[in-house]
C-alpha atoms as a PDB file:
ATOM      1  CA  MET A   1       0.000   0.000   0.000  1.00  0.00           C
ATOM      2  CA  ARG A   2       1.398   3.380  -1.012  1.00  0.00           C
ATOM      3  CA  LEU A   3       1.087   6.369   1.302  1.00  0.00           C
ATOM      4  CA  ASN A   4      -0.707   9.359  -0.176  1.00  0.00           C
ATOM      5  CA  PRO A   5       1.937  12.121  -0.039  1.00  0.00           C
ATOM      6  CA  LYS A   6      -0.690  14.824   0.414  1.00  0.00           C
ATOM      7  CA  SER A   7      -1.937  13.200   3.643  1.00  0.00           C
ATOM      8  CA  ARG A   8       1.375  13.087   5.516  1.00  0.00           C
ATOM      9  CA  ARG A   9       1.423  14.257   9.132  1.00  0.00           C
ATOM     10  CA  LYS A  10       3.969  16.726  10.522  1.00  0.00           C
ATOM     11  CA  SER A  11       5.532  13.847  12.456  1.00  0.00           C
ATOM     12  CA  ASP A  12       6.335  12.159   9.113  1.00  0.00           C
ATOM     13  CA  TYR A  13       8.776  14.914   8.171  1.00  0.00           C
ATOM     14  CA  LYS A  14      12.442  14.790   9.064  1.00  0.00           C
ATOM     15  CA  GLN A  15      13.259  18.515   9.058  1.00  0.00           C
ATOM     16  CA  SER A  16      11.716  21.935   9.382  1.00  0.00           C
ATOM     17  CA  PRO A  17      11.092  23.672   6.051  1.00  0.00           C
ATOM     18  CA  GLY A  18      14.219  25.017   4.378  1.00  0.00           C
ATOM     19  CA  VAL A  19      16.876  23.066   6.292  1.00  0.00           C
ATOM     20  CA  LEU A  20      17.439  20.547   3.511  1.00  0.00           C
ATOM     21  CA  MET A  21      16.559  21.047  -0.109  1.00  0.00           C
ATOM     22  CA  PRO A  22      16.231  18.816  -3.154  1.00  0.00           C
ATOM     23  CA  ILE A  23      19.085  19.074  -5.628  1.00  0.00           C
ATOM     24  CA  VAL A  24      18.241  18.014  -9.189  1.00  0.00           C
ATOM     25  CA  ASN A  25      21.040  16.748 -11.416  1.00  0.00           C
ATOM     26  CA  VAL A  26      19.888  18.023 -14.826  1.00  0.00           C
ATOM     27  CA  LYS A  27      22.427  15.714 -16.480  1.00  0.00           C
ATOM     28  CA  ARG A  28      20.280  12.776 -15.328  1.00  0.00           C
ATOM     29  CA  CYS A  29      16.771  14.278 -15.157  1.00  0.00           C
ATOM     30  CA  GLU A  30      14.362  13.355 -17.962  1.00  0.00           C
ATOM     31  CA  GLY A  31      11.475  15.528 -16.760  1.00  0.00           C
ATOM     32  CA  LYS A  32       9.071  12.639 -16.202  1.00  0.00           C
ATOM     33  CA  GLY A  33       7.456  14.458 -13.266  1.00  0.00           C
ATOM     34  CA  ASP A  34       7.372  11.711 -10.647  1.00  0.00           C
ATOM     35  CA  CYS A  35       8.893  14.194  -8.169  1.00  0.00           C
ATOM     36  CA  LEU A  36       6.136  16.679  -8.942  1.00  0.00           C
ATOM     37  CA  THR A  37       3.471  14.043  -8.324  1.00  0.00           C
ATOM     38  CA  VAL A  38       4.730  12.837  -4.937  1.00  0.00           C
ATOM     39  CA  CYS A  39       5.905  16.105  -3.365  1.00  0.00           C
ATOM     40  CA  PRO A  40       3.477  17.191  -0.617  1.00  0.00           C
ATOM     41  CA  GLU A  41       5.017  20.680  -0.465  1.00  0.00           C
ATOM     42  CA  ASN A  42       4.824  21.593  -4.197  1.00  0.00           C
ATOM     43  CA  VAL A  43       8.572  22.163  -4.390  1.00  0.00           C
ATOM     44  CA  PHE A  44       8.997  21.072  -8.029  1.00  0.00           C
ATOM     45  CA  GLU A  45       8.053  22.259 -11.471  1.00  0.00           C
ATOM     46  CA  ILE A  46       8.754  20.597 -14.808  1.00  0.00           C
ATOM     47  CA  ARG A  47       9.804  23.004 -17.541  1.00  0.00           C
ATOM     48  CA  THR A  48      12.164  23.521 -20.447  1.00  0.00           C
ATOM     49  CA  ILE A  49      15.796  23.377 -19.397  1.00  0.00           C
ATOM     50  CA  ASP A  50      17.513  26.752 -18.957  1.00  0.00           C
ATOM     51  CA  ALA A  51      19.995  27.663 -21.698  1.00  0.00           C
ATOM     52  CA  ALA A  52      22.907  27.847 -19.240  1.00  0.00           C
ATOM     53  CA  ASP A  53      22.139  24.362 -17.894  1.00  0.00           C
ATOM     54  CA  PHE A  54      21.791  22.995 -21.426  1.00  0.00           C
ATOM     55  CA  ASP A  55      25.148  24.481 -22.469  1.00  0.00           C
ATOM     56  CA  ASP A  56      26.875  22.601 -19.604  1.00  0.00           C
ATOM     57  CA  LEU A  57      25.758  19.213 -20.958  1.00  0.00           C
ATOM     58  CA  ASN A  58      27.917  16.993 -23.153  1.00  0.00           C
ATOM     59  CA  LEU A  59      26.746  15.938 -26.617  1.00  0.00           C
ATOM     60  CA  LEU A  60      25.186  12.656 -25.488  1.00  0.00           C
ATOM     61  CA  GLN A  61      23.330  14.349 -22.617  1.00  0.00           C
ATOM     62  CA  LYS A  62      22.011  17.035 -24.983  1.00  0.00           C
ATOM     63  CA  PHE A  63      20.768  14.360 -27.382  1.00  0.00           C
ATOM     64  CA  LYS A  64      19.066  12.439 -24.554  1.00  0.00           C
ATOM     65  CA  LEU A  65      17.402  15.610 -23.321  1.00  0.00           C
ATOM     66  CA  ARG A  66      16.103  16.445 -26.806  1.00  0.00           C
ATOM     67  CA  VAL A  67      14.599  12.958 -27.053  1.00  0.00           C
ATOM     68  CA  HIS A  68      12.803  13.600 -23.752  1.00  0.00           C
ATOM     69  CA  GLY A  69      11.349  16.932 -24.864  1.00  0.00           C
ATOM     70  CA  MET A  70      13.925  19.291 -23.291  1.00  0.00           C
ATOM     71  CA  GLN A  71      12.011  19.069 -19.985  1.00  0.00           C
ATOM     72  CA  VAL A  72      13.668  18.845 -16.554  1.00  0.00           C
ATOM     73  CA  ALA A  73      12.656  19.376 -12.938  1.00  0.00           C
ATOM     74  CA  TYR A  74      13.453  22.628 -11.160  1.00  0.00           C
ATOM     75  CA  THR A  75      12.827  23.540  -7.521  1.00  0.00           C
ATOM     76  CA  PRO A  76      11.379  27.067  -7.345  1.00  0.00           C
ATOM     77  CA  ASN A  77       9.900  26.357  -3.904  1.00  0.00           C
ATOM     78  CA  ALA A  78      12.924  24.583  -2.396  1.00  0.00           C
ATOM     79  CA  ASP A  79      12.535  26.529   0.876  1.00  0.00           C
ATOM     80  CA  ALA A  80       9.292  24.629   1.523  1.00  0.00           C
ATOM     81  CA  CYS A  81      11.047  21.220   1.468  1.00  0.00           C
ATOM     82  CA  ARG A  82      10.633  19.213   4.685  1.00  0.00           C
ATOM     83  CA  ALA A  83      13.034  16.409   3.676  1.00  0.00           C
ATOM     84  CA  CYS A  84      10.433  13.663   3.495  1.00  0.00           C
ATOM     85  CA  GLY A  85      12.507  12.016   0.733  1.00  0.00           C
ATOM     86  CA  LEU A  86       9.575  11.014  -1.459  1.00  0.00           C
ATOM     87  CA  CYS A  87      11.104  12.757  -4.473  1.00  0.00           C
ATOM     88  CA  VAL A  88      14.408  10.941  -4.051  1.00  0.00           C
ATOM     89  CA  THR A  89      12.624   7.592  -3.934  1.00  0.00           C
ATOM     90  CA  ALA A  90      10.245   8.392  -6.798  1.00  0.00           C
ATOM     91  CA  CYS A  91      12.819   9.593  -9.331  1.00  0.00           C
ATOM     92  CA  PRO A  92      13.447   6.764 -11.826  1.00  0.00           C
ATOM     93  CA  GLU A  93      16.708   8.374 -12.998  1.00  0.00           C
ATOM     94  CA  LYS A  94      18.065   8.863  -9.457  1.00  0.00           C
ATOM     95  CA  ALA A  95      18.558  12.526 -10.352  1.00  0.00           C
ATOM     96  CA  ILE A  96      17.479  13.980  -6.977  1.00  0.00           C
ATOM     97  CA  THR A  97      19.390  14.170  -3.707  1.00  0.00           C
ATOM     98  CA  LEU A  98      18.714  16.094  -0.517  1.00  0.00           C
ATOM     99  CA  GLY A  99      21.365  18.536   0.630  1.00  0.00           C
ATOM    100  CA  ARG A 100      21.886  21.292   3.145  1.00  0.00           C
ATOM    101  CA  LYS A 101      20.984  24.797   2.139  1.00  0.00           C
ATOM    102  CA  ASN A 102      24.077  27.005   1.731  1.00  0.00           C
END
């Protein structure tokens, strides 16, 4: 049985908001949106990769991204993250980690 991420209790969270944040590796992300679906705090958005991020990719990574529609996950609401880890578990590409905010 899978837990509904929108019905999590405060005791299910590991941190206060903003202590840890999801870090998306755009070299691995294929923009499938599993992170968006499971995140109870609406941290993620799926959108076209930024030009600067795209320029940092090698040729193979650029090709792979084009095949997947140039879409990747970004975290505009990273300060809301409570480190539940659902996004890390849900990502089929293992493109998300949780890290401390600088």
